[in-house]
Amino acid sequence: MDQAPHIVILPTPGMGHLIPLAELATRLAHRHGFTATFVTYAESASTAQSAYLASLPPSVASLSLPPVDLSDLPPAARAETRICVAAARSVAALVQLLRELKEGRNVVAFVADLFGGDSLAAGREVGVPAYMFFPSNLLMLSLMLHLPALDAAISCELRDLPEPLKLPGCVPVPGSELLSPLQDRKDDAYAWMVNLARKYREAEGILVNTFDEIEPEAAEVFKKVQVGRPAVYPVGPLIQTGGTSPADGSGCLSWLDKQPRGSVIFVSFGSGGTLSTEQTTELALGLERSGQRFLWVVRSPSDAKADANYFDARSAADPSEFLPEGFLGRTRDAGLVVSSWAPQMEILRHEATGGFLTHCGWNSTLESVACGVPMVAWPLYAEQKQNAVMLVEGARVALRAAEAGGGGGVVRKDAVARTVRELMEGEEGKAVRYKAKELQLAGARALAEDGKSSMALDQVAIKWKGLLV
């Protein structure tokens, strides 16, 4: 039997879930000699995922669960519902896989991410401590842990709450800004979120991809022992540091090399985010009107209701076709537009980058903070709206462009121009830039040898090592 402590990790679909878990496994390998096996869902298999897993250190292996039948789900089922159903229907196969892995390795823990609540039962069945890895923040975790009680106590839709929801240690969040699957109690996704929330309390512990200084009051609340709640370990910011990126065929970095220091705002909505045709036009005209240099990763618009796209990071068509007539020509000296993908970390690290207009996905947020880049918050789906509230009103590292009153949720060009200009040139921009640099240093300290996040991870690793055969 391999004597190294071994953990089995179950990421649910989406590179945003896989990447921080891979960084967790890598840190455990380097600091504590752990090995790991990633167990992936057949439904989430992709070239990008396979290439990323293949790029990980030799101490990290991967296996795939057999596919499950989701044909009985309605075509309009939300992504969250599909993921939760796939996780629940994969428990028996996961039990078998864990038993097989235990025969040749010292399996000391099973770690599921935030959609894997039902999967915790597999760890318990085979006698392996089951933990959760939460790739979001403490605000989101607090919402989930309080959700069963909120569900029982509140009769109206959460979006109709008369006052912002105030969770212990967290910034108040208006009901309409809460996690998108919670916005409609009649949707199956709502029930699945409540189910997940109940399962979280069955975990032996919860590792969270955040650090104390970005959510200091919430961190203090979670440090206190609470009966019936698992211990919580902030172990972030875990962002992509290894692996391979596709070659930069877009020429982004060479273009940035020619721009003045701190002069460019990077605009990207992540691999799953799309805008409507109308919003794409308004954003383009707003960037033009701002007078600022910009680097914009454009995807073809979608006029369907915004929702996560966990599987396809590519644009369905040449997005330049959907930009305002003459826009590319008028802005060719100030901006660069690229299709679908760009090397985000390299762009955020570049000295020419002075701001980031972002969808507020937590991975992108942590990458921006790790590079000391202030943000314009432009949330789309999932927990991004509540992240935006936290980043603007709590951490104070972002500004937010206001939607037009009665405008159907569209941010108009004047608001885009005003907010981008303020971030890059204004007094408010100067304040959030200062705060972003502060948090950059704090995040680096958290991951230092004796930093708070490193020590939190050490606590977990020592506990797991104590289970060695």
Protein backbone atom coordinates (compact mmCIF):
# COMPACT_ATOMS: atom_id res chain seq x y z
CA MET A 1 0.00 0.00 0.00
CA ASP A 2 1.13 3.55 -0.78
CA GLN A 3 1.94 5.03 2.64
CA ALA A 4 1.46 8.72 1.74
CA PRO A 5 -1.68 10.37 3.13
CA HIS A 6 -4.18 10.46 0.29
CA ILE A 7 -7.30 12.57 -0.24
CA VAL A 8 -10.09 12.06 -2.76
CA ILE A 9 -11.52 15.25 -4.22
CA LEU A 10 -14.86 15.64 -6.01
CA PRO A 11 -15.18 18.92 -7.95
CA THR A 12 -18.54 19.66 -9.52
CA PRO A 13 -18.58 20.95 -13.13
CA GLY A 14 -16.82 24.14 -14.11
CA MET A 15 -13.18 25.15 -14.24
CA GLY A 16 -13.93 27.67 -11.52
CA HIS A 17 -14.53 24.75 -9.15
CA LEU A 18 -11.63 22.64 -10.37
CA ILE A 19 -8.85 25.23 -10.28
CA PRO A 20 -8.94 26.20 -6.56
CA LEU A 21 -9.28 22.54 -5.58
CA ALA A 22 -6.20 21.74 -7.67
CA GLU A 23 -4.32 24.50 -5.88
CA LEU A 24 -5.45 23.02 -2.55
CA ALA A 25 -4.13 19.58 -3.56
CA THR A 26 -0.86 21.09 -4.75
CA ARG A 27 -0.33 22.95 -1.47
CA LEU A 28 -1.05 19.80 0.53
CA ALA A 29 1.44 17.90 -1.63
CA HIS A 30 4.19 20.49 -1.20
CA ARG A 31 3.66 21.26 2.50
CA HIS A 32 2.60 17.87 3.85
CA GLY A 33 3.47 15.16 1.33
CA PHE A 34 -0.13 14.35 0.43
CA THR A 35 -1.23 12.68 -2.77
CA ALA A 36 -4.69 13.14 -4.27
CA THR A 37 -7.18 11.70 -6.71
CA PHE A 38 -9.65 13.95 -8.47
CA VAL A 39 -12.97 12.28 -9.25
CA THR A 40 -14.81 14.08 -12.02
CA TYR A 41 -18.29 13.80 -13.48
CA ALA A 42 -18.56 12.32 -16.97
CA GLU A 43 -21.02 15.11 -17.85
CA SER A 44 -18.39 17.78 -17.24
CA ALA A 45 -15.64 16.19 -19.33
CA SER A 46 -14.02 18.71 -21.65
CA THR A 47 -10.77 19.25 -23.46
CA ALA A 48 -9.92 22.15 -21.13
CA GLN A 49 -10.58 20.08 -18.01
CA SER A 50 -8.58 17.11 -19.29
CA ALA A 51 -5.64 19.32 -20.25
CA TYR A 52 -5.71 21.04 -16.88
CA LEU A 53 -5.80 17.78 -14.92
CA ALA A 54 -2.95 16.40 -17.03
CA SER A 55 -0.84 19.46 -16.17
CA LEU A 56 -1.02 18.85 -12.41
CA PRO A 57 1.90 17.35 -10.45
CA PRO A 58 2.44 13.55 -10.53
CA SER A 59 1.10 13.39 -6.97
CA VAL A 60 -2.37 14.26 -8.33
CA ALA A 61 -4.28 11.62 -10.32
CA SER A 62 -7.78 11.71 -11.80
CA LEU A 63 -10.67 9.31 -12.41
CA SER A 64 -14.13 9.78 -13.87
CA LEU A 65 -17.48 8.66 -12.53
CA PRO A 66 -19.80 6.84 -14.95
CA PRO A 67 -22.39 9.05 -16.64
CA VAL A 68 -25.82 9.40 -15.05
CA ASP A 69 -29.12 9.75 -16.85
CA LEU A 70 -30.57 13.26 -16.59
CA SER A 71 -33.08 12.87 -19.42
CA ASP A 72 -36.03 13.08 -17.03
CA LEU A 73 -35.15 16.65 -16.07
CA PRO A 74 -37.10 19.38 -17.87
CA PRO A 75 -35.17 21.18 -20.62
CA ALA A 76 -35.43 24.44 -18.67
CA ALA A 77 -33.86 22.99 -15.50
CA ARG A 78 -31.25 25.34 -14.10
CA ALA A 79 -27.59 24.37 -14.15
CA GLU A 80 -27.61 24.14 -10.35
CA THR A 81 -30.44 21.60 -10.46
CA ARG A 82 -28.67 19.47 -13.05
CA ILE A 83 -25.45 19.46 -11.03
CA CYS A 84 -27.20 18.57 -7.76
CA VAL A 85 -29.17 15.76 -9.38
CA ALA A 86 -26.03 14.36 -11.01
CA ALA A 87 -24.25 14.44 -7.63
CA ALA A 88 -27.12 12.68 -5.84
CA ARG A 89 -27.40 9.98 -8.51
CA SER A 90 -23.64 9.35 -8.45
CA VAL A 91 -23.38 8.46 -4.75
CA ALA A 92 -23.49 4.67 -5.27
CA ALA A 93 -20.77 4.80 -7.94
CA LEU A 94 -18.72 7.08 -5.70
CA VAL A 95 -18.96 4.61 -2.81
CA GLN A 96 -17.60 1.86 -5.04
CA LEU A 97 -14.78 4.06 -6.30
CA LEU A 98 -13.78 5.12 -2.76
CA ARG A 99 -13.68 1.47 -1.66
CA GLU A 100 -11.37 0.63 -4.56
CA LEU A 101 -9.08 3.56 -3.81
CA LYS A 102 -8.86 2.54 -0.14
CA GLU A 103 -7.46 -0.85 -1.14
CA GLY A 104 -4.24 0.63 -2.48
CA ARG A 105 -3.86 3.97 -0.69
CA ASN A 106 -4.00 5.57 2.73
CA VAL A 107 -7.20 7.52 2.07
CA VAL A 108 -7.55 9.93 4.99
CA ALA A 109 -10.26 12.29 3.70
CA PHE A 110 -12.91 12.82 1.07
CA VAL A 111 -13.43 16.43 -0.02
CA ALA A 112 -16.49 17.55 -1.99
CA ASP A 113 -17.09 21.07 -3.21
CA LEU A 114 -20.18 23.20 -2.61
CA PHE A 115 -22.58 21.24 -4.87
CA GLY A 116 -21.47 17.90 -3.43
CA GLY A 117 -23.52 17.89 -0.24
CA ASP A 118 -25.21 14.57 -1.05
CA SER A 119 -21.78 13.09 -1.83
CA LEU A 120 -20.69 13.41 1.80
CA ALA A 121 -22.72 10.27 2.52
CA ALA A 122 -20.31 8.26 0.34
CA GLY A 123 -17.38 9.16 2.56
CA ARG A 124 -19.26 8.21 5.69
CA GLU A 125 -20.35 4.88 4.20
CA VAL A 126 -16.78 3.79 3.54
CA GLY A 127 -15.41 5.19 6.81
CA VAL A 128 -13.54 8.17 5.34
CA PRO A 129 -13.95 11.60 7.00
CA ALA A 130 -15.98 13.80 4.64
CA TYR A 131 -15.09 17.48 4.32
CA MET A 132 -16.33 20.28 2.12
CA PHE A 133 -14.30 22.74 0.09
CA PHE A 134 -16.20 25.97 -0.44
CA PRO A 135 -14.83 27.87 -3.47
CA SER A 136 -16.70 31.05 -2.59
CA ASN A 137 -16.56 33.36 0.44
CA LEU A 138 -17.79 33.51 4.02
CA LEU A 139 -20.82 35.61 3.08
CA MET A 140 -21.98 32.85 0.75
CA LEU A 141 -21.20 30.14 3.32
CA SER A 142 -23.11 32.04 6.01
CA LEU A 143 -26.11 32.33 3.71
CA MET A 144 -26.09 28.59 3.05
CA LEU A 145 -25.71 27.66 6.72
CA HIS A 146 -28.62 29.95 7.65
CA LEU A 147 -30.77 28.96 4.66
CA PRO A 148 -32.85 26.18 6.27
CA ALA A 149 -33.85 28.53 9.10
CA LEU A 150 -34.55 31.37 6.66
CA ASP A 151 -36.64 29.04 4.50
CA ALA A 152 -38.76 28.12 7.52
CA ALA A 153 -39.09 31.67 8.87
CA ILE A 154 -39.73 33.67 5.69
CA SER A 155 -42.96 33.25 3.75
CA CYS A 156 -42.34 35.69 0.90
CA GLU A 157 -39.86 35.39 -1.93
CA LEU A 158 -36.39 36.38 -0.75
CA ARG A 159 -36.25 38.95 -3.53
CA ASP A 160 -39.23 40.69 -1.89
CA LEU A 161 -37.71 41.04 1.58
CA PRO A 162 -38.54 44.53 2.87
CA GLU A 163 -35.09 44.96 4.43
CA PRO A 164 -31.62 43.74 3.41
CA LEU A 165 -30.66 40.39 4.90
CA LYS A 166 -28.11 40.83 7.69
CA LEU A 167 -26.11 37.71 8.47
CA PRO A 168 -23.68 37.65 11.42
CA GLY A 169 -20.51 39.56 10.58
CA CYS A 170 -21.57 40.12 6.97
CA VAL A 171 -22.53 43.18 4.94
CA PRO A 172 -26.35 43.56 4.60
CA VAL A 173 -27.55 42.22 1.24
CA PRO A 174 -30.86 43.17 -0.41
CA GLY A 175 -33.01 40.11 -1.10
CA SER A 176 -32.90 40.74 -4.85
CA GLU A 177 -29.09 40.49 -4.74
CA LEU A 178 -28.97 37.10 -3.03
CA LEU A 179 -27.87 33.89 -4.73
CA SER A 180 -29.77 33.58 -8.02
CA PRO A 181 -31.22 30.04 -7.47
CA LEU A 182 -32.92 31.43 -4.35
CA GLN A 183 -34.84 34.08 -6.28
CA ASP A 184 -37.75 31.77 -7.12
CA ARG A 185 -38.99 29.41 -4.42
CA LYS A 186 -41.09 27.48 -6.95
CA ASP A 187 -38.03 26.48 -8.99
CA ASP A 188 -36.48 23.09 -8.22
CA ALA A 189 -33.10 24.78 -7.84
CA TYR A 190 -34.35 26.53 -4.69
CA ALA A 191 -35.24 23.22 -3.04
CA TRP A 192 -31.88 21.77 -4.03
CA MET A 193 -30.07 24.72 -2.41
CA VAL A 194 -31.99 24.15 0.84
CA ASN A 195 -31.11 20.45 0.64
CA LEU A 196 -27.43 21.30 0.15
CA ALA A 197 -27.53 23.72 3.06
CA ARG A 198 -28.77 20.98 5.38
CA LYS A 199 -26.05 18.60 4.17
CA TYR A 200 -23.28 21.13 4.88
CA ARG A 201 -23.75 20.64 8.61
CA GLU A 202 -22.92 16.95 8.18
CA ALA A 203 -19.37 17.73 7.02
CA GLU A 204 -16.45 17.13 9.38
CA GLY A 205 -15.13 20.55 8.44
CA ILE A 206 -15.41 23.21 5.72
CA LEU A 207 -12.38 24.67 3.96
CA VAL A 208 -13.16 28.08 2.41
CA ASN A 209 -11.30 29.85 -0.38
CA THR A 210 -11.05 33.20 1.37
CA PHE A 211 -8.83 34.98 3.90
CA ASP A 212 -9.54 36.90 7.07
CA GLU A 213 -8.73 40.43 5.89
CA ILE A 214 -11.19 40.52 2.99
CA GLU A 215 -14.07 39.55 5.34
CA PRO A 216 -12.73 40.39 8.82
CA GLU A 217 -16.01 40.53 10.75
CA ALA A 218 -17.34 37.30 9.21
CA ALA A 219 -13.98 35.62 9.87
CA GLU A 220 -14.28 36.48 13.56
CA VAL A 221 -17.80 35.02 13.70
CA PHE A 222 -16.67 31.74 12.11
CA LYS A 223 -13.73 31.39 14.49
CA LYS A 224 -16.17 30.89 17.35
CA VAL A 225 -17.19 27.30 17.99
CA GLN A 226 -20.89 26.77 17.31
CA VAL A 227 -22.80 23.63 18.28
CA GLY A 228 -24.04 21.77 15.21
CA ARG A 229 -21.80 23.66 12.78
CA PRO A 230 -18.61 22.17 11.31
CA ALA A 231 -15.31 23.89 11.97
CA VAL A 232 -14.54 26.44 9.23
CA TYR A 233 -11.02 26.92 7.86
CA PRO A 234 -10.24 29.94 5.63
CA VAL A 235 -7.39 28.64 3.44
CA GLY A 236 -7.30 31.18 0.57
CA PRO A 237 -6.70 33.00 -1.61
CA LEU A 238 -6.13 29.86 -3.71
CA ILE A 239 -5.77 30.97 -7.32
CA GLN A 240 -4.19 29.35 -10.34
CA THR A 241 -0.41 29.31 -10.00
CA GLY A 242 0.54 26.28 -12.08
CA GLY A 243 -0.82 24.36 -15.01
CA THR A 244 -0.67 25.44 -18.61
CA SER A 245 -2.50 28.18 -20.46
CA PRO A 246 -3.21 28.18 -24.17
CA ALA A 247 -0.85 30.33 -26.19
CA ASP A 248 -1.86 33.99 -26.31
CA GLY A 249 -2.86 34.07 -29.96
CA SER A 250 -4.88 37.23 -29.35
CA GLY A 251 -1.77 39.35 -28.83
CA CYS A 252 -3.15 40.80 -25.57
CA LEU A 253 0.14 40.85 -23.73
CA SER A 254 2.17 42.40 -26.54
CA TRP A 255 -0.55 45.06 -26.87
CA LEU A 256 -0.39 45.76 -23.14
CA ASP A 257 3.39 46.12 -23.38
CA LYS A 258 2.79 49.26 -25.47
CA GLN A 259 0.37 50.93 -23.04
CA PRO A 260 1.25 53.29 -20.17
CA ARG A 261 1.44 51.91 -16.65
CA GLY A 262 -1.97 51.47 -14.98
CA SER A 263 -3.85 52.91 -17.96
CA VAL A 264 -5.94 49.94 -19.17
CA ILE A 265 -9.20 48.59 -17.81
CA PHE A 266 -9.59 44.87 -18.45
CA VAL A 267 -13.17 43.83 -19.26
CA SER A 268 -14.16 40.19 -18.93
CA PHE A 269 -17.21 38.29 -17.68
CA GLY A 270 -15.54 34.92 -17.15
CA SER A 271 -15.97 31.70 -19.07
CA GLY A 272 -19.67 31.41 -18.27
CA GLY A 273 -20.91 34.97 -18.62
CA THR A 274 -22.77 36.50 -21.54
CA LEU A 275 -24.56 39.82 -22.02
CA SER A 276 -27.68 40.62 -24.01
CA THR A 277 -27.34 42.23 -27.42
CA GLU A 278 -28.63 45.51 -26.01
CA GLN A 279 -26.22 45.41 -23.05
CA THR A 280 -23.28 44.57 -25.32
CA THR A 281 -24.03 47.70 -27.35
CA GLU A 282 -24.36 49.90 -24.26
CA LEU A 283 -21.11 48.56 -22.79
CA ALA A 284 -19.25 49.18 -26.04
CA LEU A 285 -20.51 52.74 -26.34
CA GLY A 286 -19.80 53.36 -22.65
CA LEU A 287 -16.21 52.17 -22.95
CA GLU A 288 -15.78 54.43 -25.97
CA ARG A 289 -17.34 57.39 -24.18
CA SER A 290 -15.16 56.87 -21.08
CA GLY A 291 -12.04 57.86 -23.00
CA GLN A 292 -10.07 55.13 -21.23
CA ARG A 293 -7.87 52.44 -22.72
CA PHE A 294 -9.54 49.04 -22.54
CA LEU A 295 -8.92 45.36 -23.23
CA TRP A 296 -12.27 43.60 -23.72
CA VAL A 297 -12.83 39.85 -23.95
CA VAL A 298 -16.08 39.66 -25.91
CA ARG A 299 -18.39 36.67 -26.27
CA SER A 300 -21.35 36.57 -28.60
CA PRO A 301 -24.43 37.90 -26.77
CA SER A 302 -27.32 35.83 -25.52
CA ASP A 303 -30.78 37.26 -25.04
CA ALA A 304 -31.82 34.32 -22.86
CA LYS A 305 -32.06 34.85 -19.12
CA ALA A 306 -28.57 35.08 -17.63
CA ASP A 307 -27.47 31.81 -16.10
CA ALA A 308 -24.24 29.95 -15.59
CA ASN A 309 -22.60 28.21 -18.52
CA TYR A 310 -20.25 25.69 -16.93
CA PHE A 311 -19.28 23.84 -20.05
CA ASP A 312 -18.57 26.14 -23.01
CA ALA A 313 -16.19 29.03 -22.66
CA ARG A 314 -16.14 29.78 -26.38
CA SER A 315 -18.20 32.30 -28.27
CA ALA A 316 -20.88 30.87 -30.52
CA ALA A 317 -20.01 33.30 -33.30
CA ASP A 318 -17.59 36.10 -34.10
CA PRO A 319 -18.60 38.59 -31.38
CA SER A 320 -17.36 41.57 -33.40
CA GLU A 321 -20.50 41.11 -35.52
CA PHE A 322 -22.58 42.24 -32.55
CA LEU A 323 -20.63 45.41 -31.73
CA PRO A 324 -21.94 48.86 -32.76
CA GLU A 325 -21.19 49.86 -36.32
CA GLY A 326 -17.82 51.59 -36.57
CA PHE A 327 -16.91 50.88 -32.93
CA LEU A 328 -13.75 48.89 -33.68
CA GLY A 329 -12.50 51.53 -36.05
CA ARG A 330 -13.23 54.45 -33.72
CA THR A 331 -11.51 52.79 -30.75
CA ARG A 332 -8.58 51.09 -32.48
CA ASP A 333 -6.05 53.46 -30.90
CA ALA A 334 -7.46 53.08 -27.36
CA GLY A 335 -8.78 49.55 -27.13
CA LEU A 336 -8.28 45.93 -28.03
CA VAL A 337 -11.21 43.54 -28.48
CA VAL A 338 -10.53 39.78 -28.40
CA SER A 339 -12.92 36.88 -28.79
CA SER A 340 -13.90 34.45 -26.01
CA TRP A 341 -10.67 33.98 -24.09
CA ALA A 342 -7.60 35.82 -22.85
CA PRO A 343 -4.80 34.95 -20.37
CA GLN A 344 -6.51 36.57 -17.39
CA MET A 345 -3.84 36.18 -14.71
CA GLU A 346 -1.11 37.46 -17.03
CA ILE A 347 -3.28 40.46 -17.92
CA LEU A 348 -4.09 41.26 -14.28
CA ARG A 349 -0.41 41.01 -13.36
CA HIS A 350 0.64 43.32 -16.20
CA GLU A 351 1.78 46.77 -15.09
CA ALA A 352 -0.39 48.42 -17.76
CA THR A 353 -3.58 47.04 -16.19
CA GLY A 354 -5.19 49.55 -13.84
CA GLY A 355 -8.69 48.15 -13.38
CA PHE A 356 -10.90 45.14 -13.96
CA LEU A 357 -14.55 45.26 -15.01
CA THR A 358 -15.64 41.84 -13.78
CA HIS A 359 -18.67 39.59 -13.26
CA CYS A 360 -17.55 39.12 -9.63
CA GLY A 361 -17.04 35.38 -9.85
CA TRP A 362 -15.02 34.52 -6.76
CA ASN A 363 -12.02 33.12 -8.63
CA SER A 364 -11.76 36.28 -10.74
CA THR A 365 -12.23 38.41 -7.63
CA LEU A 366 -9.38 36.67 -5.80
CA GLU A 367 -7.14 36.92 -8.87
CA SER A 368 -7.82 40.65 -9.06
CA VAL A 369 -7.12 41.10 -5.35
CA ALA A 370 -3.95 38.99 -5.58
CA CYS A 371 -2.72 41.36 -8.29
CA GLY A 372 -3.81 44.51 -6.43
CA VAL A 373 -6.23 45.55 -9.20
CA PRO A 374 -9.41 47.48 -8.24
CA MET A 375 -12.71 46.48 -9.85
CA VAL A 376 -15.90 47.63 -11.46
CA ALA A 377 -18.47 45.12 -10.21
CA TRP A 378 -20.82 43.86 -12.93
CA PRO A 379 -22.47 40.68 -11.57
CA LEU A 380 -24.52 38.33 -13.74
CA TYR A 381 -25.64 35.11 -11.98
CA ALA A 382 -24.98 32.59 -9.16
CA GLU A 383 -23.70 34.41 -6.06
CA GLN A 384 -22.14 37.25 -8.05
CA LYS A 385 -24.63 39.96 -7.04
CA GLN A 386 -24.06 39.37 -3.35
CA ASN A 387 -20.31 39.24 -4.03
CA ALA A 388 -20.66 42.66 -5.66
CA VAL A 389 -22.38 44.05 -2.56
CA MET A 390 -19.59 42.70 -0.38
CA LEU A 391 -16.82 44.04 -2.64
CA VAL A 392 -18.35 47.52 -2.92
CA GLU A 393 -19.73 48.06 0.58
CA GLY A 394 -17.65 45.65 2.67
CA ALA A 395 -14.16 45.14 1.27
CA ARG A 396 -14.38 48.46 -0.63
CA VAL A 397 -12.24 47.29 -3.54
CA ALA A 398 -14.84 47.92 -6.24
CA LEU A 399 -17.22 50.46 -7.72
CA ARG A 400 -20.53 49.45 -9.25
CA ALA A 401 -22.21 50.79 -12.36
CA ALA A 402 -25.88 51.50 -11.68
CA GLU A 403 -28.62 49.98 -13.79
CA ALA A 404 -30.98 52.47 -15.41
CA GLY A 405 -34.30 52.90 -13.64
CA GLY A 406 -36.95 51.02 -15.56
CA GLY A 407 -34.29 49.93 -18.02
CA GLY A 408 -34.86 46.22 -17.68
CA GLY A 409 -31.60 45.70 -15.80
CA VAL A 410 -29.48 47.32 -18.51
CA VAL A 411 -26.51 49.48 -17.51
CA ARG A 412 -26.58 52.40 -19.93
CA LYS A 413 -23.57 53.83 -21.74
CA ASP A 414 -23.42 57.01 -19.61
CA ALA A 415 -23.27 54.94 -16.39
CA VAL A 416 -20.61 52.70 -17.91
CA ALA A 417 -18.51 55.70 -18.98
CA ARG A 418 -18.91 57.47 -15.64
CA THR A 419 -17.98 54.43 -13.55
CA VAL A 420 -15.01 53.38 -15.69
CA ARG A 421 -13.68 56.94 -15.70
CA GLU A 422 -14.12 57.20 -11.93
CA LEU A 423 -12.24 53.94 -11.33
CA MET A 424 -9.34 54.93 -13.54
CA GLU A 425 -9.08 58.66 -12.76
CA GLY A 426 -11.35 59.71 -9.88
CA GLU A 427 -11.07 60.07 -6.13
CA GLU A 428 -13.27 57.05 -5.46
CA GLY A 429 -11.06 55.09 -7.81
CA LYS A 430 -8.01 56.18 -5.88
CA ALA A 431 -9.57 54.94 -2.63
CA VAL A 432 -10.47 51.49 -3.98
CA ARG A 433 -7.06 51.22 -5.62
CA TYR A 434 -5.41 51.84 -2.24
CA LYS A 435 -7.65 49.23 -0.61
CA ALA A 436 -6.88 46.72 -3.39
CA LYS A 437 -3.16 47.11 -2.74
CA GLU A 438 -3.75 46.62 1.00
CA LEU A 439 -5.64 43.39 0.39
CA GLN A 440 -3.03 42.22 -2.09
CA LEU A 441 -0.43 42.35 0.67
CA ALA A 442 -2.81 40.77 3.20
CA GLY A 443 -3.58 37.87 0.85
CA ALA A 444 0.10 37.23 0.29
CA ARG A 445 0.73 37.27 4.06
CA ALA A 446 -2.13 34.79 4.60
CA LEU A 447 -0.41 32.26 2.34
CA ALA A 448 3.09 32.85 3.68
CA GLU A 449 4.79 30.09 5.67
CA ASP A 450 3.33 31.29 8.98
CA GLY A 451 0.28 33.06 7.51
CA LYS A 452 -3.24 32.53 8.84
CA SER A 453 -4.46 30.59 5.81
CA SER A 454 -1.39 28.37 5.73
CA MET A 455 -1.78 27.62 9.42
CA ALA A 456 -5.48 26.84 8.95
CA LEU A 457 -4.59 24.34 6.24
CA ASP A 458 -1.87 22.90 8.48
CA GLN A 459 -4.51 22.27 11.15
CA VAL A 460 -6.58 20.23 8.73
CA ALA A 461 -3.56 18.36 7.33
CA ILE A 462 -2.35 17.39 10.81
CA LYS A 463 -5.83 16.13 11.69
CA TRP A 464 -5.89 14.03 8.50
CA LYS A 465 -2.38 12.68 9.10
CA GLY A 466 -3.51 11.49 12.49
CA LEU A 467 -5.75 9.01 10.68
CA LEU A 468 -2.91 7.25 8.88
CA VAL A 469 -3.01 3.45 9.05
